[in-house]
Each structure stands twice: as structure tokens, then as C-alpha cells.
N, C-alpha and C. Protein backbone atom coordinates (compact mmCIF):
# COMPACT_ATOMS: atom_id res chain seq x y z
N MET A 1 22.81 -6.51 -34.93
CA MET A 1 22.18 -7.67 -34.34
C MET A 1 22.42 -7.40 -32.94
N THR A 2 21.25 -7.80 -32.22
CA THR A 2 21.37 -7.80 -30.72
C THR A 2 21.73 -9.31 -30.27
N THR A 3 22.49 -9.28 -29.39
CA THR A 3 23.07 -10.58 -28.69
C THR A 3 22.81 -10.56 -27.20
N VAL A 4 22.89 -11.88 -26.73
CA VAL A 4 22.84 -11.91 -25.26
C VAL A 4 24.11 -12.90 -24.96
N THR A 5 24.76 -12.31 -24.05
CA THR A 5 25.93 -13.02 -23.43
C THR A 5 25.92 -13.00 -21.92
N GLY A 6 25.91 -14.26 -21.47
CA GLY A 6 25.92 -14.45 -19.97
C GLY A 6 24.82 -13.55 -19.25
N GLY A 7 23.53 -13.51 -19.98
CA GLY A 7 22.48 -12.84 -19.26
C GLY A 7 22.40 -11.40 -19.50
N ALA A 8 23.38 -10.82 -20.34
CA ALA A 8 23.41 -9.54 -20.41
C ALA A 8 23.10 -9.07 -21.92
N CYS A 9 22.46 -8.16 -22.12
CA CYS A 9 22.08 -7.66 -23.57
C CYS A 9 23.15 -6.82 -24.02
N ARG A 10 23.64 -7.22 -25.29
CA ARG A 10 24.62 -6.10 -25.99
C ARG A 10 24.10 -5.58 -27.21
N MET A 11 23.91 -4.30 -27.31
CA MET A 11 23.41 -3.78 -28.52
C MET A 11 24.43 -3.30 -29.29
N PRO A 12 24.27 -2.87 -30.65
CA PRO A 12 25.41 -2.50 -31.49
C PRO A 12 25.74 -1.09 -30.94
N ARG A 13 26.92 -0.71 -31.14
CA ARG A 13 27.43 0.50 -30.75
C ARG A 13 27.02 1.74 -31.34
N SER A 14 26.46 1.41 -32.57
CA SER A 14 25.89 2.56 -33.33
C SER A 14 24.60 3.11 -32.70
N ALA A 15 24.31 4.49 -32.63
CA ALA A 15 23.18 5.00 -32.13
C ALA A 15 21.95 4.92 -33.02
N ASN A 16 22.20 4.28 -34.13
CA ASN A 16 21.14 4.12 -35.21
C ASN A 16 20.44 2.75 -35.09
N TYR A 17 20.67 1.99 -33.98
CA TYR A 17 20.02 0.75 -33.83
C TYR A 17 18.54 0.74 -33.94
N CYS A 18 17.84 1.76 -33.50
CA CYS A 18 16.45 1.87 -33.49
C CYS A 18 15.85 2.27 -34.94
N LEU A 19 16.63 2.55 -35.79
CA LEU A 19 16.21 3.10 -37.06
C LEU A 19 15.10 2.23 -37.80
N GLY A 20 15.09 0.83 -37.32
CA GLY A 20 14.05 -0.01 -37.88
C GLY A 20 12.67 0.36 -37.48
N LEU A 21 12.52 1.03 -36.42
CA LEU A 21 11.23 1.60 -36.00
C LEU A 21 10.83 2.94 -36.45
N THR A 22 11.85 3.62 -37.22
CA THR A 22 11.54 4.97 -37.84
C THR A 22 11.69 4.85 -39.36
N ASP A 23 12.07 3.65 -39.79
CA ASP A 23 12.11 3.43 -41.45
C ASP A 23 10.76 2.99 -41.97
N LYS A 24 10.17 4.09 -42.64
CA LYS A 24 8.79 3.85 -43.18
C LYS A 24 8.62 2.71 -44.02
N SER A 25 9.76 2.39 -44.63
CA SER A 25 9.72 1.31 -45.67
C SER A 25 9.52 -0.16 -44.88
N GLN A 26 9.76 -0.13 -43.59
CA GLN A 26 9.50 -1.31 -42.81
C GLN A 26 8.13 -1.60 -42.21
N TYR A 27 7.31 -0.43 -42.29
CA TYR A 27 6.09 -0.32 -41.65
C TYR A 27 5.01 -1.46 -42.44
N LYS A 28 4.42 -2.18 -41.65
CA LYS A 28 3.45 -3.40 -42.14
C LYS A 28 2.09 -2.89 -42.03
N PRO A 29 1.26 -3.28 -42.87
CA PRO A 29 -0.17 -3.01 -42.86
C PRO A 29 -0.98 -3.79 -41.71
N LYS A 30 -0.33 -4.91 -41.39
CA LYS A 30 -1.04 -6.10 -40.40
C LYS A 30 -0.18 -6.45 -39.28
N ARG A 31 -0.78 -6.65 -38.26
CA ARG A 31 -0.02 -7.11 -37.07
C ARG A 31 0.03 -8.61 -37.31
N PRO A 32 1.13 -9.28 -36.70
CA PRO A 32 1.17 -10.71 -36.85
C PRO A 32 0.05 -11.56 -35.99
N ALA A 33 -0.10 -12.82 -36.35
CA ALA A 33 -0.95 -13.57 -35.49
C ALA A 33 -0.53 -13.70 -34.03
N ARG A 34 -1.69 -13.78 -33.28
CA ARG A 34 -1.45 -13.94 -31.75
C ARG A 34 -0.40 -14.78 -31.36
N ASP A 35 -0.38 -16.00 -32.05
CA ASP A 35 0.53 -17.07 -31.74
C ASP A 35 1.94 -16.98 -32.40
N TYR A 36 2.32 -15.93 -32.94
CA TYR A 36 3.47 -15.44 -33.78
C TYR A 36 4.82 -15.92 -33.02
N GLY A 37 4.70 -15.77 -31.65
CA GLY A 37 5.81 -16.55 -30.80
C GLY A 37 7.28 -15.87 -30.74
N VAL A 38 7.29 -14.54 -31.31
CA VAL A 38 8.58 -13.76 -31.25
C VAL A 38 8.62 -12.65 -30.36
N GLU A 39 9.63 -12.68 -29.56
CA GLU A 39 9.82 -11.60 -28.53
C GLU A 39 10.43 -10.40 -29.18
N GLY A 40 10.27 -9.08 -28.77
CA GLY A 40 10.94 -7.99 -29.47
C GLY A 40 10.49 -6.70 -29.04
N ILE A 41 10.83 -5.77 -29.69
CA ILE A 41 10.46 -4.24 -29.62
C ILE A 41 9.45 -4.06 -30.77
N TYR A 42 8.36 -3.39 -30.60
CA TYR A 42 7.44 -3.11 -31.58
C TYR A 42 7.09 -1.74 -31.48
N ALA A 43 6.50 -1.06 -32.65
CA ALA A 43 5.93 0.30 -32.72
C ALA A 43 4.59 0.21 -33.41
N ILE A 44 3.77 0.96 -32.95
CA ILE A 44 2.30 1.20 -33.63
C ILE A 44 2.35 2.59 -34.12
N ILE A 45 2.09 2.64 -35.56
CA ILE A 45 2.18 3.86 -36.09
C ILE A 45 0.79 4.36 -36.79
N LYS A 46 0.63 5.47 -36.92
CA LYS A 46 -0.49 6.18 -37.75
C LYS A 46 0.24 7.20 -38.69
N PRO A 47 0.60 6.67 -40.03
CA PRO A 47 1.54 7.33 -40.85
C PRO A 47 1.11 8.72 -41.20
N LYS A 48 -0.24 9.21 -41.24
CA LYS A 48 -0.64 10.34 -41.67
C LYS A 48 -0.63 11.45 -40.74
N LEU A 49 -0.23 11.07 -39.62
CA LEU A 49 -0.13 12.09 -38.37
C LEU A 49 1.38 12.72 -38.55
N LYS A 50 1.44 14.16 -38.17
CA LYS A 50 2.63 14.81 -37.95
C LYS A 50 3.57 14.01 -37.01
N LYS A 51 3.01 13.43 -36.05
CA LYS A 51 4.05 12.70 -35.17
C LYS A 51 3.44 11.23 -35.34
N PRO A 52 3.83 10.44 -36.14
CA PRO A 52 3.28 8.97 -36.51
C PRO A 52 3.44 7.87 -35.65
N ILE A 53 4.55 7.92 -34.90
CA ILE A 53 4.85 6.72 -33.87
C ILE A 53 3.98 7.06 -32.72
N LEU A 54 3.01 6.22 -32.51
CA LEU A 54 2.00 6.44 -31.44
C LEU A 54 2.54 5.69 -30.03
N TYR A 55 3.21 4.34 -30.29
CA TYR A 55 3.39 3.80 -29.18
C TYR A 55 4.87 2.85 -29.52
N VAL A 56 5.60 2.58 -28.49
CA VAL A 56 6.68 1.57 -28.56
C VAL A 56 6.50 0.64 -27.33
N GLY A 57 6.54 -0.60 -27.63
CA GLY A 57 6.41 -1.47 -26.64
C GLY A 57 7.29 -2.78 -26.77
N ARG A 58 7.08 -3.64 -26.03
CA ARG A 58 8.11 -4.81 -25.82
C ARG A 58 7.22 -6.02 -25.39
N GLY A 59 7.77 -7.05 -25.72
CA GLY A 59 7.31 -8.36 -25.21
C GLY A 59 7.01 -9.42 -26.49
N ASP A 60 6.07 -10.35 -26.11
CA ASP A 60 5.63 -11.25 -27.23
C ASP A 60 5.06 -10.42 -28.23
N ILE A 61 5.49 -10.19 -29.39
CA ILE A 61 5.00 -9.33 -30.36
C ILE A 61 3.55 -9.65 -30.70
N GLY A 62 3.31 -10.83 -31.18
CA GLY A 62 2.04 -11.18 -31.66
C GLY A 62 1.08 -11.05 -30.46
N GLU A 63 1.25 -11.38 -29.20
CA GLU A 63 0.33 -11.33 -28.20
C GLU A 63 0.09 -9.79 -27.78
N ARG A 64 1.19 -9.13 -27.72
CA ARG A 64 1.08 -7.77 -27.29
C ARG A 64 0.06 -6.86 -28.29
N LEU A 65 0.49 -7.09 -29.60
CA LEU A 65 -0.19 -6.40 -30.61
C LEU A 65 -1.60 -6.70 -30.73
N TYR A 66 -1.95 -8.06 -30.59
CA TYR A 66 -3.30 -8.48 -30.42
C TYR A 66 -4.00 -7.71 -29.34
N LYS A 67 -3.54 -7.83 -28.29
CA LYS A 67 -4.00 -6.98 -27.01
C LYS A 67 -4.55 -5.57 -27.34
N HIS A 68 -3.48 -4.87 -27.97
CA HIS A 68 -3.50 -3.47 -28.29
C HIS A 68 -4.71 -3.33 -29.26
N PHE A 69 -4.69 -4.20 -30.42
CA PHE A 69 -5.63 -3.83 -31.47
C PHE A 69 -7.03 -4.29 -30.97
N MET A 70 -7.16 -5.12 -30.06
CA MET A 70 -8.54 -5.72 -29.50
C MET A 70 -9.02 -4.67 -28.49
N GLY A 71 -8.13 -3.84 -28.07
CA GLY A 71 -8.65 -2.78 -26.98
C GLY A 71 -8.59 -3.53 -25.64
N SER A 72 -7.91 -4.61 -25.44
CA SER A 72 -7.95 -5.41 -24.33
C SER A 72 -6.77 -5.32 -23.44
N ASP A 73 -5.97 -4.33 -23.62
CA ASP A 73 -4.64 -4.33 -22.82
C ASP A 73 -4.78 -3.46 -21.58
N GLU A 74 -5.87 -2.67 -21.34
CA GLU A 74 -5.89 -1.80 -20.03
C GLU A 74 -5.14 -0.65 -20.18
N GLN A 75 -4.62 -0.29 -21.46
CA GLN A 75 -3.77 0.84 -21.53
C GLN A 75 -4.37 1.96 -22.48
N ASP A 76 -3.97 3.09 -22.56
CA ASP A 76 -4.54 4.11 -23.39
C ASP A 76 -4.42 3.88 -24.80
N ILE A 77 -3.47 3.10 -25.24
CA ILE A 77 -3.24 2.79 -26.73
C ILE A 77 -4.37 1.63 -27.16
N GLY A 78 -4.55 0.77 -26.29
CA GLY A 78 -5.52 -0.07 -26.61
C GLY A 78 -6.95 0.47 -26.57
N GLU A 79 -7.14 1.47 -25.65
CA GLU A 79 -8.34 2.28 -25.78
C GLU A 79 -8.63 2.97 -27.12
N TYR A 80 -7.64 3.63 -27.43
CA TYR A 80 -7.49 4.39 -28.75
C TYR A 80 -7.85 3.47 -29.91
N LEU A 81 -6.97 2.30 -30.02
CA LEU A 81 -7.02 1.48 -31.18
C LEU A 81 -8.48 0.69 -31.01
N GLY A 82 -8.98 0.47 -30.03
CA GLY A 82 -10.22 -0.23 -29.93
C GLY A 82 -11.31 0.54 -30.45
N LYS A 83 -11.20 1.84 -30.81
CA LYS A 83 -12.27 2.60 -31.34
C LYS A 83 -12.05 2.73 -32.85
N ILE A 84 -10.97 2.28 -33.47
CA ILE A 84 -10.61 2.42 -34.93
C ILE A 84 -11.36 1.07 -35.45
N LYS A 85 -11.81 1.45 -36.67
CA LYS A 85 -12.38 0.44 -37.34
C LYS A 85 -11.51 -0.65 -38.09
N GLY A 86 -11.80 -2.01 -37.74
CA GLY A 86 -11.15 -3.00 -38.34
C GLY A 86 -11.23 -3.38 -39.80
N ILE A 87 -10.26 -3.65 -40.46
CA ILE A 87 -10.49 -4.08 -41.89
C ILE A 87 -10.97 -5.47 -42.10
N ASP A 88 -10.71 -6.23 -41.00
CA ASP A 88 -11.02 -7.57 -41.14
C ASP A 88 -11.59 -8.10 -39.81
N ASP A 89 -12.35 -9.22 -39.67
CA ASP A 89 -12.90 -9.64 -38.52
C ASP A 89 -11.96 -9.95 -37.32
N GLY A 90 -10.80 -10.38 -37.74
CA GLY A 90 -9.73 -10.55 -36.49
C GLY A 90 -9.11 -9.32 -36.19
N ARG A 91 -9.23 -8.24 -36.70
CA ARG A 91 -8.64 -7.04 -36.46
C ARG A 91 -7.14 -7.11 -36.48
N TYR A 92 -6.75 -7.78 -37.60
CA TYR A 92 -5.26 -7.93 -38.04
C TYR A 92 -4.82 -6.63 -38.50
N GLN A 93 -5.87 -5.96 -39.29
CA GLN A 93 -5.50 -4.50 -39.85
C GLN A 93 -6.65 -3.49 -39.27
N LEU A 94 -6.13 -2.34 -38.95
CA LEU A 94 -7.04 -1.32 -38.45
C LEU A 94 -6.85 -0.08 -39.60
N THR A 95 -7.99 0.61 -39.84
CA THR A 95 -7.88 1.68 -40.79
C THR A 95 -6.86 2.68 -40.35
N GLY A 96 -5.84 3.10 -41.33
CA GLY A 96 -4.83 4.01 -41.00
C GLY A 96 -3.65 3.57 -39.95
N ILE A 97 -3.70 2.33 -39.58
CA ILE A 97 -2.72 1.94 -38.52
C ILE A 97 -1.69 1.14 -39.15
N LYS A 98 -0.37 1.34 -39.07
CA LYS A 98 0.52 0.35 -39.32
C LYS A 98 1.55 -0.13 -38.19
N VAL A 99 2.25 -1.18 -38.35
CA VAL A 99 3.12 -1.57 -37.31
C VAL A 99 4.41 -2.13 -37.77
N THR A 100 5.47 -2.04 -36.97
CA THR A 100 6.81 -2.54 -37.39
C THR A 100 7.46 -3.13 -35.96
N TRP A 101 8.24 -4.10 -36.13
CA TRP A 101 9.04 -4.78 -35.07
C TRP A 101 10.24 -5.17 -35.33
N ILE A 102 11.01 -5.33 -34.20
CA ILE A 102 12.51 -5.68 -34.29
C ILE A 102 12.48 -6.91 -33.31
N PRO A 103 12.70 -8.26 -33.84
CA PRO A 103 13.01 -9.29 -32.89
C PRO A 103 14.18 -9.31 -32.07
N MET A 104 14.14 -9.55 -30.92
CA MET A 104 15.22 -9.58 -30.03
C MET A 104 14.77 -10.56 -28.86
N SER A 105 15.77 -10.90 -28.11
CA SER A 105 15.53 -11.87 -26.97
C SER A 105 14.75 -10.98 -25.76
N ASN A 106 14.08 -11.82 -25.05
CA ASN A 106 13.42 -11.18 -23.89
C ASN A 106 14.25 -10.51 -22.91
N VAL A 107 15.57 -10.88 -22.79
CA VAL A 107 16.41 -10.16 -21.98
C VAL A 107 16.65 -8.76 -22.58
N CYS A 108 16.99 -8.82 -23.93
CA CYS A 108 17.43 -7.50 -24.40
C CYS A 108 16.03 -6.49 -24.70
N ASN A 109 14.76 -7.06 -24.95
CA ASN A 109 13.73 -6.23 -24.98
C ASN A 109 13.43 -5.56 -23.74
N ARG A 110 13.59 -6.28 -22.48
CA ARG A 110 13.39 -5.69 -21.42
C ARG A 110 14.22 -4.65 -21.02
N ALA A 111 15.49 -4.79 -21.36
CA ALA A 111 16.59 -3.85 -21.05
C ALA A 111 16.44 -2.66 -22.00
N ARG A 112 16.00 -2.70 -23.27
CA ARG A 112 16.18 -1.76 -24.19
C ARG A 112 15.00 -0.98 -24.67
N GLU A 113 13.74 -1.25 -23.96
CA GLU A 113 12.54 -0.42 -24.37
C GLU A 113 12.76 1.05 -24.42
N ASN A 114 13.21 1.24 -23.27
CA ASN A 114 13.41 2.93 -22.88
C ASN A 114 14.33 3.47 -23.84
N ASP A 115 15.50 2.52 -24.29
CA ASP A 115 16.36 3.02 -25.16
C ASP A 115 15.72 3.25 -26.59
N PHE A 116 14.78 2.39 -26.83
CA PHE A 116 14.17 2.69 -28.27
C PHE A 116 13.23 3.83 -28.25
N ILE A 117 12.57 4.11 -27.14
CA ILE A 117 11.64 5.32 -26.91
C ILE A 117 12.51 6.57 -27.08
N THR A 118 13.74 6.59 -26.41
CA THR A 118 14.70 7.70 -26.36
C THR A 118 15.17 7.91 -27.90
N CYS A 119 15.45 6.82 -28.55
CA CYS A 119 15.98 6.84 -29.83
C CYS A 119 15.03 7.58 -30.72
N VAL A 120 13.71 7.01 -30.56
CA VAL A 120 12.58 7.61 -31.60
C VAL A 120 12.63 9.17 -31.24
N MET A 121 12.57 9.57 -29.91
CA MET A 121 12.68 10.98 -29.49
C MET A 121 13.69 11.68 -30.12
N ASN A 122 14.96 11.22 -30.21
CA ASN A 122 16.05 11.81 -30.82
C ASN A 122 16.00 11.93 -32.27
N ALA A 123 15.61 10.70 -32.89
CA ALA A 123 15.56 10.70 -34.40
C ALA A 123 14.42 11.45 -34.97
N LEU A 124 13.29 11.53 -34.22
CA LEU A 124 12.18 12.20 -34.85
C LEU A 124 11.84 13.48 -34.00
N GLY A 125 12.29 13.77 -32.86
CA GLY A 125 11.95 14.91 -32.17
C GLY A 125 10.60 14.88 -31.46
N TYR A 126 10.17 13.64 -30.93
CA TYR A 126 9.02 13.80 -30.18
C TYR A 126 8.93 12.44 -29.27
N HIS A 127 8.16 12.56 -28.39
CA HIS A 127 8.06 11.26 -27.58
C HIS A 127 6.59 10.67 -27.92
N PRO A 128 6.74 9.33 -28.22
CA PRO A 128 5.49 8.60 -28.65
C PRO A 128 4.30 8.89 -27.76
N ARG A 129 3.07 9.37 -28.38
CA ARG A 129 2.02 9.88 -27.65
C ARG A 129 1.48 8.85 -26.40
N PHE A 130 1.51 7.66 -26.86
CA PHE A 130 0.77 6.67 -25.74
C PHE A 130 1.95 5.97 -24.86
N ASN A 131 3.08 6.49 -24.90
CA ASN A 131 4.12 6.03 -23.99
C ASN A 131 4.14 6.76 -22.94
N LEU A 132 3.11 6.71 -21.99
CA LEU A 132 2.80 7.66 -20.75
C LEU A 132 3.98 7.58 -19.69
N VAL A 133 4.48 6.30 -19.53
CA VAL A 133 5.56 6.03 -18.55
C VAL A 133 6.70 5.59 -19.15
N ALA A 134 7.97 5.97 -18.69
CA ALA A 134 9.05 5.46 -19.34
C ALA A 134 9.05 3.73 -19.43
N GLY A 135 9.78 3.47 -20.46
CA GLY A 135 9.93 1.99 -20.71
C GLY A 135 10.66 1.23 -19.61
N SER A 136 10.79 0.04 -19.71
CA SER A 136 11.41 -0.84 -18.79
C SER A 136 12.96 -0.67 -18.95
N LYS A 137 13.50 -0.88 -17.82
CA LYS A 137 15.11 -0.57 -17.86
C LYS A 137 15.78 -1.95 -17.64
């Protein structure tokens, strides 16, 4: 579990703390509602690809995934997802796309986004395709 003490983020000592993003059993077919209201780290996945994790991000999970899925985030991942057919009118599900997330405080998600990208690289052997710039530190 991630904890915040005196404004600092303390992650578990284990190098496996990011495995929630790489564990296929945790992948969800739908994004949460825009007003989900939970901060954390999230991943956008296309399971049928050889390198399935497309993007790792941080922030308000519902709001950020909403913007990515709608193609209104002004990022390459949003442009890519905006072209994929939605399964429902609210674009909660996109054909072939899954998501996963790990709730954590805003202090921690800001401090750890790059750690999660690095962990995905180490665990899976590749950099997520749409993380063009290193995550926040």
C-alpha cells in the first residue's frame, strides 16, 4: 500500500509494486465514470498487441481516462483512442481496449508516474508506446 507521511510518498520496498498494471487479471473492459473522483496511476491496454500497454498516466482517474477515450486530451494517446469505435454512446468501452488503475494519493501519483513507466519497461521489456515524454518526478 502507498502511504503519505509529512507530504512525502512512501512506496513499498518491493520492486513489484507496479505489477497491478501488468497483471492481466486486473484489466477492466470499461473506464470509470468521469466523476469517479479517485486519484492514482492508470494504464491503457490493447491486449492483442505484442506490446499491450499503450500508455501509463496519473491524476484523477475518471477525468483523465474520459479525456483520453473522447480524444480530447491533446495527446497522441487521445488521438489514437479517438479513432477507435466506441461500444457505447458514452465511450466507456472502446473496441479492443482495456484499462487498469491503482488508486493512490495525488502526492504519490505525481512522484511515482515515472517509476511505474520504468517498472513496466523492466517487467515487460518495452516502453509504453504513447508515453513520449518521461513521467512526472
